[in-house]
Amino acid sequence: MRAKPVSPPCRKWACCQTATEHPPRGQKEAGRTVCACFGVGEAAIVEAIQSGCATAADIGARLKAGTNCGSCLPEIKGLITRAGVVKKIA
């Protein structure tokens, strides 16, 4: 009888969509997935917005989110709008 392979704790946490545990030490909470194509979570997008990304194209350049199928673009734009970002025109 072969033993069932055991996943490392961090992989188990990352793959479980209903995980109630906190992320492993040194990893940030990803939040809900916004871009399924590239596995980009809401927290990463909000962090990018807070660090200066003001458009969906900026987010795409930094995180790749929204650059494949595009179905997440409305959500990305909504996060930008809710953050109150105003793009400065040079």
Protein backbone atom coordinates (compact mmCIF):
# COMPACT_ATOMS: atom_id res chain seq x y z
CA MET A 1 0.00 0.00 0.00
CA ARG A 2 1.51 3.33 -1.10
CA ALA A 3 1.40 6.38 1.11
CA LYS A 4 -0.63 9.30 -0.12
CA PRO A 5 1.62 12.26 -1.08
CA VAL A 6 1.45 15.16 1.34
CA SER A 7 1.46 18.73 0.05
CA PRO A 8 3.59 21.27 1.86
CA PRO A 9 1.46 23.53 4.12
CA CYS A 10 1.93 26.65 1.98
CA ARG A 11 0.77 24.86 -1.18
CA LYS A 12 -2.23 23.42 0.63
CA TRP A 13 -3.14 26.91 1.85
CA ALA A 14 -2.69 28.49 -1.59
CA CYS A 15 -4.84 25.88 -3.35
CA CYS A 16 -7.70 25.70 -0.89
CA GLN A 17 -10.32 28.28 -1.80
CA THR A 18 -12.09 27.87 1.51
CA ALA A 19 -8.95 28.07 3.65
CA THR A 20 -9.55 29.59 7.04
CA GLU A 21 -5.87 29.59 7.91
CA HIS A 22 -3.68 32.63 7.52
CA PRO A 23 -1.09 32.65 4.75
CA PRO A 24 2.30 31.21 5.61
CA ARG A 25 4.72 33.60 7.31
CA GLY A 26 6.18 36.07 4.84
CA GLN A 27 3.30 35.75 2.36
CA LYS A 28 0.50 38.27 2.06
CA GLU A 29 -3.19 37.46 1.95
CA ALA A 30 -4.09 37.44 -1.76
CA GLY A 31 -7.77 38.20 -1.31
CA ARG A 32 -10.27 37.01 -3.83
CA THR A 33 -8.99 36.20 -7.30
CA VAL A 34 -9.73 38.96 -9.79
CA CYS A 35 -7.69 37.72 -12.77
CA ALA A 36 -8.06 33.97 -13.14
CA CYS A 37 -5.78 33.82 -16.19
CA PHE A 38 -2.74 34.91 -14.18
CA GLY A 39 -3.96 34.19 -10.63
CA VAL A 40 -3.87 37.82 -9.52
CA GLY A 41 -5.70 38.59 -6.31
CA GLU A 42 -7.51 41.74 -5.27
CA ALA A 43 -4.86 42.57 -2.65
CA ALA A 44 -2.09 42.71 -5.28
CA ILE A 45 -4.18 44.96 -7.50
CA VAL A 46 -5.05 47.31 -4.63
CA GLU A 47 -1.38 47.43 -3.64
CA ALA A 48 -0.41 48.31 -7.23
CA ILE A 49 -3.04 51.06 -7.30
CA GLN A 50 -1.73 52.46 -4.02
CA SER A 51 1.81 52.46 -5.40
CA GLY A 52 0.88 54.51 -8.46
CA CYS A 53 -0.95 52.41 -11.06
CA ALA A 54 -3.83 54.57 -12.28
CA THR A 55 -5.22 52.65 -15.26
CA ALA A 56 -6.03 49.06 -16.19
CA ALA A 57 -3.08 49.24 -18.61
CA ASP A 58 -0.77 50.20 -15.72
CA ILE A 59 -2.07 47.22 -13.73
CA GLY A 60 -1.54 44.97 -16.75
CA ALA A 61 2.02 46.16 -17.22
CA ARG A 62 2.87 45.53 -13.57
CA LEU A 63 0.87 42.37 -12.79
CA LYS A 64 -0.29 41.02 -16.19
CA ALA A 65 -3.88 41.12 -14.87
CA GLY A 66 -6.33 41.98 -17.64
CA THR A 67 -3.90 41.26 -20.46
CA ASN A 68 -5.18 37.85 -21.58
CA CYS A 69 -8.93 37.31 -21.97
CA GLY A 70 -9.94 40.70 -20.54
CA SER A 71 -12.91 39.46 -18.53
CA CYS A 72 -11.45 40.98 -15.36
CA LEU A 73 -10.98 44.47 -16.82
CA PRO A 74 -14.32 45.80 -15.52
CA GLU A 75 -13.40 44.64 -12.00
CA ILE A 76 -9.91 46.15 -12.26
CA LYS A 77 -11.40 49.44 -13.46
CA GLY A 78 -13.90 49.30 -10.60
CA LEU A 79 -11.10 48.84 -8.05
CA ILE A 80 -9.31 51.85 -9.54
CA THR A 81 -12.49 53.93 -9.41
CA ARG A 82 -13.26 52.88 -5.82
CA ALA A 83 -9.72 53.85 -4.83
CA GLY A 84 -10.45 57.37 -6.11
CA VAL A 85 -7.47 57.45 -8.44
CA VAL A 86 -7.29 60.44 -10.75
CA LYS A 87 -4.86 60.08 -13.64
CA LYS A 88 -2.73 63.22 -14.04
CA ILE A 89 -2.46 64.46 -17.60
CA ALA A 90 1.05 65.61 -18.39
